[in-house]
Each structure stands twice: as structure tokens, then as C-alpha cells.
N, C-alpha and C. Protein backbone atom coordinates (compact mmCIF):
# COMPACT_ATOMS: atom_id res chain seq x y z
N MET A 1 125.22 30.20 108.29
CA MET A 1 124.83 31.21 109.17
C MET A 1 125.02 32.55 108.47
N ILE A 2 123.95 33.32 108.63
CA ILE A 2 123.92 34.64 108.11
C ILE A 2 124.26 35.61 109.19
N ASN A 3 124.97 36.48 109.22
CA ASN A 3 125.44 37.38 110.21
C ASN A 3 125.02 38.94 109.92
N GLU A 4 124.94 39.60 111.24
CA GLU A 4 124.58 40.99 110.71
C GLU A 4 125.54 41.54 109.79
N HIS A 5 124.81 42.41 108.82
CA HIS A 5 125.46 43.32 107.73
C HIS A 5 126.28 42.37 106.45
N ASP A 6 125.59 41.14 106.74
CA ASP A 6 126.04 40.27 105.31
C ASP A 6 125.28 40.68 104.29
N TRP A 7 126.11 40.60 102.96
CA TRP A 7 125.22 41.05 101.81
C TRP A 7 124.58 39.65 101.36
N ILE A 8 123.09 39.53 101.00
CA ILE A 8 122.71 38.42 100.56
C ILE A 8 121.96 38.78 99.04
N PRO A 9 121.68 37.81 98.36
CA PRO A 9 120.80 38.06 97.17
C PRO A 9 119.42 37.99 97.41
N ILE A 10 118.62 38.85 96.77
CA ILE A 10 117.07 39.18 97.03
C ILE A 10 116.36 38.68 96.03
N PHE A 11 115.20 37.97 96.35
CA PHE A 11 114.29 37.40 95.33
C PHE A 11 112.96 38.17 95.72
N PRO A 12 112.77 39.26 94.92
CA PRO A 12 111.47 39.82 95.44
C PRO A 12 110.25 39.01 94.75
N LEU A 13 109.25 38.95 95.47
CA LEU A 13 108.11 38.03 94.95
C LEU A 13 106.69 38.80 95.51
N ASN A 14 105.74 38.41 94.80
CA ASN A 14 104.16 38.84 95.08
C ASN A 14 103.76 37.72 96.33
N THR A 15 104.68 37.55 97.43
CA THR A 15 104.34 36.85 98.30
C THR A 15 104.94 37.28 99.56
N VAL A 16 104.40 36.77 100.67
CA VAL A 16 105.35 37.20 101.93
C VAL A 16 105.63 35.79 102.64
N LEU A 17 106.87 35.60 102.64
CA LEU A 17 107.32 34.29 103.46
C LEU A 17 107.36 34.38 104.80
N PHE A 18 106.95 33.72 105.78
CA PHE A 18 107.05 33.67 107.26
C PHE A 18 107.89 32.76 107.76
N PRO A 19 108.64 32.95 108.84
CA PRO A 19 109.60 31.87 109.33
C PRO A 19 108.77 30.64 109.53
N ARG A 20 109.35 29.39 109.11
CA ARG A 20 108.95 28.13 109.09
C ARG A 20 107.72 27.91 107.93
N GLY A 21 107.53 29.01 107.04
CA GLY A 21 106.59 28.73 106.21
C GLY A 21 107.33 27.97 105.04
N VAL A 22 106.51 27.18 104.24
CA VAL A 22 106.85 26.43 102.91
C VAL A 22 106.60 27.37 101.73
N LEU A 23 107.76 27.52 100.94
CA LEU A 23 107.50 28.37 99.64
C LEU A 23 108.08 27.30 98.33
N PRO A 24 107.14 26.77 97.62
CA PRO A 24 107.67 26.17 96.45
C PRO A 24 108.10 27.21 95.23
N LEU A 25 108.84 27.21 94.51
CA LEU A 25 109.33 28.10 93.69
C LEU A 25 109.61 27.50 92.20
N ARG A 26 109.35 28.15 91.17
CA ARG A 26 109.80 27.62 89.93
C ARG A 26 110.45 28.79 89.28
N VAL A 27 111.91 28.46 89.18
CA VAL A 27 112.96 29.47 88.92
C VAL A 27 113.34 29.24 87.50
N PHE A 28 113.19 30.33 86.42
CA PHE A 28 113.60 30.28 85.26
C PHE A 28 114.46 31.36 84.73
N GLU A 29 114.54 32.37 85.20
CA GLU A 29 115.23 33.56 84.96
C GLU A 29 116.85 33.28 85.07
N THR A 30 117.60 33.68 84.21
CA THR A 30 118.79 33.24 84.49
C THR A 30 119.66 33.88 85.94
N ARG A 31 119.32 35.22 86.13
CA ARG A 31 119.83 35.81 87.25
C ARG A 31 119.47 34.86 88.44
N TYR A 32 118.39 34.36 88.51
CA TYR A 32 117.77 33.49 89.92
C TYR A 32 118.39 31.98 89.72
N VAL A 33 118.35 31.70 88.46
CA VAL A 33 119.19 30.10 88.32
C VAL A 33 120.37 30.12 88.86
N ASP A 34 121.24 31.12 88.28
CA ASP A 34 122.52 31.27 88.92
C ASP A 34 122.65 31.58 90.13
N MET A 35 121.68 32.45 90.86
CA MET A 35 121.88 32.74 92.18
C MET A 35 121.45 31.39 93.18
N VAL A 36 120.55 30.46 92.69
CA VAL A 36 119.98 29.44 93.39
C VAL A 36 121.43 28.34 93.54
N ARG A 37 122.04 28.25 92.12
CA ARG A 37 123.17 27.34 91.96
C ARG A 37 124.25 27.70 92.90
N GLU A 38 124.36 28.97 93.02
CA GLU A 38 125.42 29.54 94.03
C GLU A 38 125.12 29.42 95.43
N ARG A 39 123.81 29.57 95.65
CA ARG A 39 123.55 29.30 97.30
C ARG A 39 123.61 27.95 97.63
N MET A 40 123.16 26.86 96.73
CA MET A 40 123.41 25.60 96.90
C MET A 40 124.65 25.20 97.03
N LYS A 41 125.57 25.87 96.36
CA LYS A 41 126.81 25.39 96.44
C LYS A 41 127.51 25.63 97.84
N SER A 42 127.15 26.89 98.32
CA SER A 42 127.67 27.40 99.75
C SER A 42 126.85 27.07 100.76
N GLY A 43 125.52 26.45 100.49
CA GLY A 43 124.61 25.95 101.71
C GLY A 43 124.07 27.13 102.29
N LEU A 44 123.88 28.34 101.61
CA LEU A 44 123.48 29.57 102.39
C LEU A 44 122.17 29.82 101.87
N PRO A 45 121.27 30.59 102.74
CA PRO A 45 119.95 31.13 102.10
C PRO A 45 120.09 32.26 101.25
N PHE A 46 118.82 32.70 100.72
CA PHE A 46 118.71 33.71 100.04
C PHE A 46 117.51 34.64 100.55
N GLY A 47 117.55 35.81 100.47
CA GLY A 47 116.26 36.44 101.07
C GLY A 47 115.06 36.59 99.97
N VAL A 48 113.70 36.35 100.59
CA VAL A 48 112.62 36.54 100.01
C VAL A 48 112.02 37.88 100.51
N VAL A 49 111.57 38.73 99.59
CA VAL A 49 110.93 40.03 100.12
C VAL A 49 109.82 40.30 99.17
N ALA A 50 108.77 40.59 99.91
CA ALA A 50 107.43 41.11 99.00
C ALA A 50 107.95 42.21 98.16
N ILE A 51 107.15 42.43 97.06
CA ILE A 51 107.47 43.54 96.16
C ILE A 51 106.38 44.48 96.43
N ARG A 52 106.96 45.76 96.65
CA ARG A 52 106.21 46.88 96.89
C ARG A 52 105.72 47.72 95.76
N ALA A 53 106.60 47.48 94.70
CA ALA A 53 106.17 48.03 93.22
C ALA A 53 107.13 47.43 92.32
N GLY A 54 106.34 47.24 91.07
CA GLY A 54 107.27 46.44 90.03
C GLY A 54 106.67 45.10 89.85
N ASN A 55 107.64 44.41 89.09
CA ASN A 55 106.96 42.93 88.77
C ASN A 55 108.25 41.97 89.09
N GLU A 56 107.47 40.70 89.20
CA GLU A 56 108.67 39.50 89.45
C GLU A 56 109.58 39.42 88.43
N VAL A 57 109.34 39.51 87.22
CA VAL A 57 110.05 39.15 86.04
C VAL A 57 110.37 40.45 85.20
N GLY A 58 111.63 40.40 84.93
CA GLY A 58 112.38 41.80 84.15
C GLY A 58 113.29 42.45 85.02
N THR A 59 112.91 43.96 84.82
CA THR A 59 113.72 44.79 85.43
C THR A 59 113.30 44.66 86.97
N ALA A 60 114.46 44.79 87.93
CA ALA A 60 114.33 44.56 89.43
C ALA A 60 113.20 45.34 89.99
N ALA A 61 112.46 44.61 90.69
CA ALA A 61 111.31 45.25 91.63
C ALA A 61 111.97 46.29 92.77
N GLU A 62 110.98 46.88 93.31
CA GLU A 62 111.20 47.57 94.57
C GLU A 62 110.53 46.84 95.55
N PRO A 63 111.52 46.12 96.57
CA PRO A 63 110.94 45.47 97.71
C PRO A 63 110.67 46.08 98.84
N TYR A 64 110.01 45.61 99.74
CA TYR A 64 109.66 46.12 100.97
C TYR A 64 111.07 45.96 101.63
N ASP A 65 111.28 46.58 102.96
CA ASP A 65 112.28 46.59 103.69
C ASP A 65 112.74 45.20 104.63
N VAL A 66 111.80 44.60 104.75
CA VAL A 66 111.87 43.46 105.73
C VAL A 66 111.24 42.37 104.80
N GLY A 67 112.00 41.29 105.10
CA GLY A 67 111.94 39.82 104.58
C GLY A 67 112.15 38.78 105.48
N THR A 68 112.52 37.65 104.81
CA THR A 68 112.72 36.42 105.44
C THR A 68 113.65 35.36 104.46
N LEU A 69 114.45 34.92 105.42
CA LEU A 69 115.58 34.07 104.72
C LEU A 69 115.03 32.95 104.15
N ALA A 70 115.21 32.31 103.05
CA ALA A 70 114.66 31.12 102.50
C ALA A 70 115.81 30.11 102.56
N ASP A 71 115.57 28.89 103.24
CA ASP A 71 116.41 27.94 103.07
C ASP A 71 116.05 26.86 101.97
N ILE A 72 116.92 26.37 101.22
CA ILE A 72 116.73 25.56 100.03
C ILE A 72 116.77 24.11 100.53
N ILE A 73 115.55 23.56 100.45
CA ILE A 73 115.41 22.12 101.28
C ILE A 73 115.64 21.11 100.18
N ALA A 74 115.08 21.49 98.99
CA ALA A 74 115.18 20.45 97.64
C ALA A 74 115.09 21.17 96.50
N CYS A 75 115.83 20.60 95.43
CA CYS A 75 115.89 21.25 94.18
C CYS A 75 115.57 20.16 92.99
N ASP A 76 114.87 20.50 91.95
CA ASP A 76 114.64 19.44 90.95
C ASP A 76 114.80 20.40 89.66
N VAL A 77 115.10 19.57 88.56
CA VAL A 77 115.11 20.25 86.96
C VAL A 77 113.95 19.88 86.39
N GLU A 78 113.06 20.85 86.00
CA GLU A 78 111.87 20.40 85.38
C GLU A 78 112.39 20.47 83.67
N ASP A 79 113.01 21.30 83.35
CA ASP A 79 113.48 21.68 82.10
C ASP A 79 114.65 22.14 81.99
N LEU A 80 115.45 22.03 80.72
CA LEU A 80 116.67 22.78 80.86
C LEU A 80 116.78 24.24 81.12
N GLY A 81 117.34 24.66 82.47
CA GLY A 81 117.29 25.89 82.77
C GLY A 81 116.02 26.40 83.60
N VAL A 82 115.44 25.28 84.00
CA VAL A 82 114.36 25.59 84.95
C VAL A 82 114.17 24.77 86.07
N LEU A 83 114.26 25.52 87.25
CA LEU A 83 114.69 24.80 88.42
C LEU A 83 113.24 24.85 89.49
N LEU A 84 113.10 23.66 90.05
CA LEU A 84 111.77 23.53 90.99
C LEU A 84 112.37 23.46 92.36
N LEU A 85 112.15 24.49 93.26
CA LEU A 85 112.71 24.51 94.51
C LEU A 85 111.70 24.24 95.67
N HIS A 86 112.03 23.72 96.63
CA HIS A 86 111.22 23.48 97.93
C HIS A 86 111.87 24.21 98.93
N THR A 87 111.48 25.40 99.49
CA THR A 87 112.25 26.39 100.23
C THR A 87 111.34 26.38 101.62
N GLN A 88 112.15 26.78 102.63
CA GLN A 88 111.48 27.17 103.98
C GLN A 88 112.09 28.16 104.73
N GLY A 89 111.04 29.20 105.25
CA GLY A 89 111.41 30.24 105.98
C GLY A 89 112.23 29.87 106.95
N GLY A 90 113.24 30.97 107.04
CA GLY A 90 113.97 31.06 108.30
C GLY A 90 113.93 32.32 109.32
N GLU A 91 114.99 33.03 109.38
CA GLU A 91 114.91 34.42 110.32
C GLU A 91 114.37 35.40 109.30
N ARG A 92 113.71 36.50 110.08
CA ARG A 92 113.30 37.59 109.43
C ARG A 92 114.55 38.45 109.53
N PHE A 93 114.74 39.53 108.47
CA PHE A 93 115.68 40.34 108.43
C PHE A 93 115.22 41.87 107.90
N ARG A 94 115.91 42.78 108.12
CA ARG A 94 115.76 44.06 107.56
C ARG A 94 116.80 44.58 106.57
N MET A 95 116.69 44.99 105.59
CA MET A 95 117.58 45.56 104.55
C MET A 95 118.13 46.58 105.10
N ILE A 96 119.40 47.03 105.10
CA ILE A 96 120.15 48.04 105.57
C ILE A 96 120.35 48.83 104.48
N GLU A 97 121.13 48.28 103.40
CA GLU A 97 121.37 48.87 102.12
C GLU A 97 121.29 47.84 101.00
N LYS A 98 120.88 48.39 99.76
CA LYS A 98 120.71 47.21 98.64
C LYS A 98 121.39 47.90 97.63
N ARG A 99 121.68 47.00 96.29
CA ARG A 99 122.20 47.51 95.27
C ARG A 99 121.56 46.41 94.07
N THR A 100 121.52 47.03 92.93
CA THR A 100 121.10 46.22 91.80
C THR A 100 122.07 46.00 90.93
N GLN A 101 122.61 44.62 90.78
CA GLN A 101 123.56 44.35 89.69
C GLN A 101 123.13 44.46 88.29
N ARG A 102 123.90 44.46 87.34
CA ARG A 102 123.64 44.53 85.87
C ARG A 102 122.76 43.65 85.37
N ASN A 103 122.77 42.52 86.01
CA ASN A 103 121.66 41.48 85.68
C ASN A 103 120.30 41.61 86.20
N GLN A 104 120.20 42.83 87.10
CA GLN A 104 118.98 43.08 87.84
C GLN A 104 118.79 42.15 88.99
N LEU A 105 119.80 41.40 89.38
CA LEU A 105 119.70 40.84 90.63
C LEU A 105 119.92 41.61 91.74
N ILE A 106 119.20 41.67 93.05
CA ILE A 106 119.43 42.71 93.92
C ILE A 106 120.17 42.02 94.95
N LYS A 107 121.18 42.69 95.67
CA LYS A 107 121.78 42.13 96.73
C LYS A 107 121.53 43.14 97.80
N ALA A 108 121.48 42.75 99.27
CA ALA A 108 121.27 43.65 100.17
C ALA A 108 122.23 43.35 101.34
N ARG A 109 122.42 44.32 102.04
CA ARG A 109 123.16 44.27 103.36
C ARG A 109 122.04 44.18 104.38
N ILE A 110 122.08 43.20 105.30
CA ILE A 110 120.80 42.85 106.10
C ILE A 110 121.27 42.73 107.50
N ALA A 111 120.28 43.00 108.53
CA ALA A 111 120.35 42.85 109.67
C ALA A 111 119.43 42.00 110.24
N PRO A 112 119.43 40.81 110.86
CA PRO A 112 118.70 39.90 111.46
C PRO A 112 117.66 40.57 112.31
N LEU A 113 116.39 40.30 112.22
CA LEU A 113 115.28 40.69 113.37
C LEU A 113 115.29 39.87 114.49
N PRO A 114 114.96 40.32 115.74
CA PRO A 114 115.00 39.51 116.95
C PRO A 114 113.81 38.66 116.69
N ALA A 115 113.75 37.56 117.49
CA ALA A 115 112.58 36.51 117.61
C ALA A 115 111.48 37.30 118.14
N ASP A 116 110.19 36.87 117.87
CA ASP A 116 108.96 37.62 118.44
C ASP A 116 109.05 37.65 119.96
N ASP A 117 108.43 38.94 120.49
CA ASP A 117 108.06 38.84 121.99
C ASP A 117 106.81 38.05 121.85
N PRO A 118 106.63 37.14 122.95
CA PRO A 118 105.30 36.26 122.75
C PRO A 118 104.12 37.13 123.16
N GLY A 119 104.12 38.31 123.90
CA GLY A 119 102.93 39.15 124.03
C GLY A 119 101.95 38.54 124.96
N GLN A 120 100.64 39.23 124.62
CA GLN A 120 99.64 38.99 125.21
C GLN A 120 98.58 38.25 124.40
N THR A 121 98.11 37.05 124.57
CA THR A 121 97.20 36.47 123.60
C THR A 121 95.84 36.30 123.93
N GLY A 122 95.51 36.51 125.52
CA GLY A 122 94.12 36.32 125.77
C GLY A 122 93.63 34.90 125.18
N ASP A 123 92.46 34.84 124.84
CA ASP A 123 91.95 33.60 124.55
C ASP A 123 92.26 33.51 122.95
N ALA A 124 92.84 34.32 122.30
CA ALA A 124 93.11 34.18 120.68
C ALA A 124 93.78 33.06 120.38
N LEU A 125 94.92 32.73 121.30
CA LEU A 125 95.64 31.41 120.79
C LEU A 125 94.88 30.17 120.79
N ALA A 126 94.14 29.89 121.68
CA ALA A 126 93.41 28.80 121.85
C ALA A 126 92.23 28.50 120.79
N ILE A 127 91.64 29.75 120.54
CA ILE A 127 90.65 29.85 119.42
C ILE A 127 91.35 29.65 118.14
N CYS A 128 92.33 30.37 117.79
CA CYS A 128 93.00 30.27 116.37
C CYS A 128 93.65 28.95 116.02
N ALA A 129 94.21 28.40 117.27
CA ALA A 129 95.01 26.97 117.15
C ALA A 129 93.78 26.07 116.95
N LYS A 130 92.66 25.90 117.53
CA LYS A 130 91.67 24.93 117.32
C LYS A 130 91.19 24.75 115.95
N VAL A 131 90.95 25.98 115.34
CA VAL A 131 90.48 26.21 114.00
C VAL A 131 91.80 25.72 112.98
N LEU A 132 92.90 26.09 113.45
CA LEU A 132 93.93 25.84 112.53
C LEU A 132 94.33 24.36 112.65
N GLU A 133 94.16 23.58 113.70
CA GLU A 133 94.44 22.29 113.81
C GLU A 133 93.31 21.52 112.82
N ALA A 134 91.90 22.05 112.66
CA ALA A 134 90.97 21.30 111.93
C ALA A 134 91.26 21.44 110.45
N VAL A 135 91.97 22.73 110.06
CA VAL A 135 92.45 23.04 108.60
C VAL A 135 93.55 21.95 108.50
N ILE A 136 94.43 21.73 109.43
CA ILE A 136 95.65 20.88 109.15
C ILE A 136 95.05 19.35 108.98
N ASP A 137 94.34 19.02 109.80
CA ASP A 137 93.73 17.50 109.64
C ASP A 137 92.93 17.39 108.17
N GLU A 138 92.35 18.41 107.99
CA GLU A 138 91.41 18.47 106.59
C GLU A 138 92.45 18.37 105.40
N LEU A 139 93.60 18.99 105.42
CA LEU A 139 94.69 18.75 104.37
C LEU A 139 95.25 17.43 104.34
N ASP A 140 95.49 17.10 105.57
CA ASP A 140 96.00 15.57 105.77
C ASP A 140 95.24 14.68 105.35
N ARG A 141 93.99 14.80 105.54
CA ARG A 141 92.85 13.94 104.87
C ARG A 141 92.89 13.87 103.29
N ARG A 142 92.62 15.18 102.91
CA ARG A 142 92.82 15.16 101.53
C ARG A 142 94.11 15.02 100.72
N ALA A 143 95.14 15.00 101.15
CA ALA A 143 96.54 14.75 100.55
C ALA A 143 96.51 13.53 99.44
N GLY A 144 95.91 12.52 99.95
CA GLY A 144 95.65 11.24 99.20
C GLY A 144 95.02 11.33 98.02
N GLU A 145 94.21 12.36 97.92
CA GLU A 145 93.51 12.49 96.56
C GLU A 145 94.31 13.03 95.46
N PHE A 146 95.52 13.58 95.76
CA PHE A 146 96.30 14.16 94.78
C PHE A 146 97.40 13.15 94.30
N PRO A 147 97.76 13.20 92.94
CA PRO A 147 98.77 12.34 92.42
C PRO A 147 100.15 12.62 93.16
N GLU A 148 100.99 11.54 93.46
CA GLU A 148 102.01 11.89 94.17
C GLU A 148 102.95 12.97 93.66
N GLY A 149 103.58 14.07 94.45
CA GLY A 149 104.25 15.22 93.98
C GLY A 149 103.48 16.29 93.79
N ASP A 150 102.13 16.42 93.58
CA ASP A 150 101.34 17.36 92.96
C ASP A 150 100.77 18.37 94.41
N PHE A 151 100.90 17.64 95.42
CA PHE A 151 100.23 18.10 96.77
C PHE A 151 101.50 18.63 97.42
N ILE A 152 101.68 19.98 97.96
CA ILE A 152 102.54 20.37 98.73
C ILE A 152 101.87 20.94 100.16
N ASN A 153 102.16 20.18 101.21
CA ASN A 153 101.53 20.60 102.58
C ASN A 153 102.30 22.08 103.04
N PRO A 154 101.41 23.02 103.34
CA PRO A 154 102.05 24.14 103.74
C PRO A 154 102.45 24.27 105.03
N PHE A 155 102.15 23.13 105.85
CA PHE A 155 102.30 23.06 107.42
C PHE A 155 103.18 21.69 107.72
N THR A 156 104.55 22.17 107.81
CA THR A 156 105.54 21.33 108.03
C THR A 156 105.54 20.88 109.60
N GLU A 157 105.93 19.51 109.85
CA GLU A 157 105.92 19.29 111.28
C GLU A 157 107.46 19.64 111.97
N PRO A 158 107.45 19.80 113.12
CA PRO A 158 106.41 19.56 114.04
C PRO A 158 105.55 20.89 114.17
N HIS A 159 104.09 20.41 114.32
CA HIS A 159 103.35 21.74 114.51
C HIS A 159 103.29 22.16 115.88
N ALA A 160 103.41 23.31 115.97
CA ALA A 160 103.64 24.19 117.38
C ALA A 160 102.15 24.76 117.50
N LEU A 161 101.00 24.22 117.79
CA LEU A 161 99.83 24.66 118.14
C LEU A 161 99.80 25.55 119.25
N ASP A 162 100.71 25.39 120.14
CA ASP A 162 100.93 26.11 121.58
C ASP A 162 101.66 27.17 121.33
N SER A 163 102.49 27.63 120.18
CA SER A 163 103.09 28.78 119.97
C SER A 163 102.25 29.77 119.29
N PRO A 164 102.05 31.07 120.06
CA PRO A 164 101.36 32.11 119.40
C PRO A 164 102.23 32.56 117.86
N THR A 165 103.44 32.65 117.79
CA THR A 165 104.10 32.95 116.75
C THR A 165 103.77 31.84 115.57
N TRP A 166 103.90 30.49 115.89
CA TRP A 166 103.72 29.71 114.84
C TRP A 166 102.26 29.63 114.37
N VAL A 167 101.23 29.68 115.35
CA VAL A 167 99.85 29.85 114.72
C VAL A 167 99.47 31.15 114.26
N ALA A 168 100.00 32.17 114.54
CA ALA A 168 99.84 33.35 113.73
C ALA A 168 100.43 33.29 112.25
N ASN A 169 101.59 32.87 112.36
CA ASN A 169 102.31 32.84 110.86
C ASN A 169 101.64 31.93 110.01
N ARG A 170 101.34 30.78 110.36
CA ARG A 170 100.59 29.92 109.63
C ARG A 170 99.13 30.42 108.89
N TRP A 171 98.56 31.16 109.89
CA TRP A 171 97.12 31.82 109.36
C TRP A 171 97.51 32.88 108.37
N SER A 172 98.67 33.74 108.85
CA SER A 172 98.92 34.83 108.25
C SER A 172 99.56 34.33 106.60
N GLU A 173 99.74 33.14 106.50
CA GLU A 173 100.19 32.73 105.02
C GLU A 173 98.91 32.36 104.22
N ILE A 174 97.91 31.80 105.03
CA ILE A 174 96.83 31.27 104.07
C ILE A 174 95.64 32.20 103.90
N LEU A 175 95.45 33.29 104.86
CA LEU A 175 94.44 34.15 104.81
C LEU A 175 94.34 34.91 103.47
N PRO A 176 93.07 35.03 103.07
CA PRO A 176 93.02 35.89 101.91
C PRO A 176 92.96 37.35 101.85
N ILE A 177 94.11 37.65 102.36
CA ILE A 177 94.19 39.21 102.62
C ILE A 177 95.11 39.84 101.65
N ALA A 178 95.13 41.23 101.62
CA ALA A 178 96.12 41.89 100.57
C ALA A 178 97.63 41.63 100.97
N LEU A 179 98.46 41.80 99.87
CA LEU A 179 99.89 41.61 100.10
C LEU A 179 100.35 42.52 101.41
N GLN A 180 99.97 43.68 101.27
CA GLN A 180 100.46 44.76 102.17
C GLN A 180 100.06 44.37 103.64
N ASP A 181 98.84 43.70 103.82
CA ASP A 181 98.40 43.24 105.07
C ASP A 181 99.26 42.33 105.71
N LYS A 182 99.63 41.14 104.81
CA LYS A 182 100.55 40.35 105.07
C LYS A 182 101.93 40.75 105.44
N GLN A 183 102.33 41.76 104.79
CA GLN A 183 103.60 42.29 105.04
C GLN A 183 103.55 42.85 106.48
N ALA A 184 102.52 43.84 106.68
CA ALA A 184 102.30 44.35 107.93
C ALA A 184 102.62 43.42 109.05
N LEU A 185 101.74 42.16 108.80
CA LEU A 185 101.87 41.09 110.02
C LEU A 185 103.27 40.70 110.16
N LEU A 186 104.09 40.34 109.09
CA LEU A 186 105.38 40.03 109.11
C LEU A 186 106.37 40.90 110.12
N GLU A 187 105.88 42.07 109.79
CA GLU A 187 106.84 43.13 110.47
C GLU A 187 106.40 43.36 111.82
N LEU A 188 105.46 42.88 112.34
CA LEU A 188 105.29 42.88 113.83
C LEU A 188 106.23 42.20 114.47
N THR A 189 106.53 42.59 115.73
CA THR A 189 107.62 41.91 116.68
C THR A 189 106.96 41.28 117.77
N ASP A 190 105.56 41.51 117.82
CA ASP A 190 104.59 41.02 119.15
C ASP A 190 103.84 40.01 118.69
N ALA A 191 104.09 38.73 119.02
CA ALA A 191 103.36 37.70 118.55
C ALA A 191 101.80 37.60 118.78
N GLY A 192 101.65 38.27 120.15
CA GLY A 192 100.33 38.32 120.48
C GLY A 192 99.56 39.32 119.63
N LEU A 193 100.03 40.38 119.08
CA LEU A 193 99.32 41.37 118.71
C LEU A 193 99.16 40.67 117.25
N ARG A 194 100.27 39.95 116.64
CA ARG A 194 99.86 39.54 115.15
C ARG A 194 98.80 38.37 115.25
N LEU A 195 98.98 37.69 116.72
CA LEU A 195 97.71 36.68 116.37
C LEU A 195 96.41 37.34 116.74
N GLN A 196 96.06 38.45 117.45
CA GLN A 196 94.97 39.24 117.59
C GLN A 196 94.33 39.74 116.27
N ARG A 197 95.35 40.21 115.80
CA ARG A 197 94.89 40.86 114.26
C ARG A 197 94.52 39.59 113.16
N VAL A 198 95.20 38.48 113.32
CA VAL A 198 94.71 37.33 112.56
C VAL A 198 93.34 36.92 113.04
N GLN A 199 92.97 36.94 114.28
CA GLN A 199 91.56 36.55 114.79
C GLN A 199 90.65 37.32 114.31
N SER A 200 91.01 38.91 114.22
CA SER A 200 90.14 39.96 113.38
C SER A 200 89.92 39.53 112.17
N TYR A 201 90.67 39.04 111.23
CA TYR A 201 90.71 38.70 110.04
C TYR A 201 89.77 37.58 109.83
N LEU A 202 89.99 36.47 110.78
CA LEU A 202 89.28 35.23 110.76
C LEU A 202 87.86 35.56 110.79
N ARG A 203 87.45 36.58 111.90
CA ARG A 203 86.13 36.87 112.00
C ARG A 203 85.51 37.87 110.82
N GLU A 204 86.19 38.50 110.21
CA GLU A 204 85.59 39.52 109.17
C GLU A 204 85.60 38.37 108.05
N ASN A 205 86.16 37.20 107.90
CA ASN A 205 85.97 36.40 106.64
C ASN A 205 85.03 35.29 107.21
N GLY A 206 84.46 35.18 108.16
CA GLY A 206 83.54 34.31 108.60
C GLY A 206 83.85 33.06 108.95
N VAL A 207 85.33 32.90 109.39
CA VAL A 207 86.01 31.66 109.80
C VAL A 207 85.72 31.29 111.11
N LEU A 208 85.54 32.48 112.15
CA LEU A 208 85.01 32.35 113.62
C LEU A 208 83.80 32.87 113.59
């Protein structure tokens, strides 16, 4: 359990992790390999935060302030010193203070963010959920076309198609929109508003 004002290791990435989202990771830098081993030993999550400026590899990047806890579901070893992780998003948090260690690993003191306000969804939930269900069904159908272990389903069960938060978050993960737009969706505290923005993106991309 991560409590308010706890210090946690941060993994800055060129992606946005949403609560209950699936994130496979290939970890090879020593700072992150050591971090993963420590978190697995303690059973605690680490923080995934999108990169505002900089790169994933090398000198510590500048992350956004809001990120998501990543629980390690499974870990495998690809080669000596290379870890293959299966992680899943937990709670969102805001970084209150951060520091960069000598090995360029960022640690941050965090405060958990409250769960979404359900907000007003209008017809957006029914429309977005129906199309998302079709996407899930198609992925399930095609999963058998891939060699065992090569396909990672981004939609873990149980599917909460009646939840504006779950539907909006799953669309936010797979929409072909800019990183900063995904980050803005993550930071919203109103699930209805996030879903309405998702609906707008779906229309802009010709999905609806």
C-alpha cells in the first residue's frame, strides 16, 4: 500500500499508463533493473509518468507531475540483465517533490489522486462502450493468430463497459493521439468529461 507522501521510484516513459491499463516493459538499464528487483522483493509498485522533456534512456528525463502506480504482475528474464515485465496500472498520483539519484533514477514523494467523479456522460457512454466492445471482440478473435506469448491483450477482465472511467481509460490508451493529449486525459478528475473528449477524438478519427 502506497500512502500519501511516500517516496517511490519513477519510471519516465514515452507513454501514459491509465488505471487498470496493461503495460509490458522490457527493462535493461541497470538503474531500472535494480529498481524492479527491489520492488518485487518488497511487493510494492513503482510510478510510471509520461516524459515532458528528455529521453527514456540515459540522463534522467523531465516527467509530468501526474502519473500512475504500476503493479508488477509477472517478470521474466530475456537475457542476462534484461527483464520482461507485465505491469498493470493502479492508482493515479501527483508528485509533490522529486529528486534524482546519482544513477539517474528519479524518486518522488507522492500524493494519491482521488477516484474519478462519474460526471455526466449523456449518450457518450453507450456509444463509446458499444464500439469498444466490438474492438475487444475483434482482438479476442484474432488472438489465436499469434504464436503463444506474442499477443498481449490490452483489455484485462473483468470488462467494465458500464463504467465511464473504464471505457474512457481504455479508449485513451489506444487512440492515436499525441502524448500530451493522453496526459491531459489522465489528469482529468471527471470521468464524464474524459469520455466526452474521447468521443470527440473518435469522431475526428472517423471511428464514430
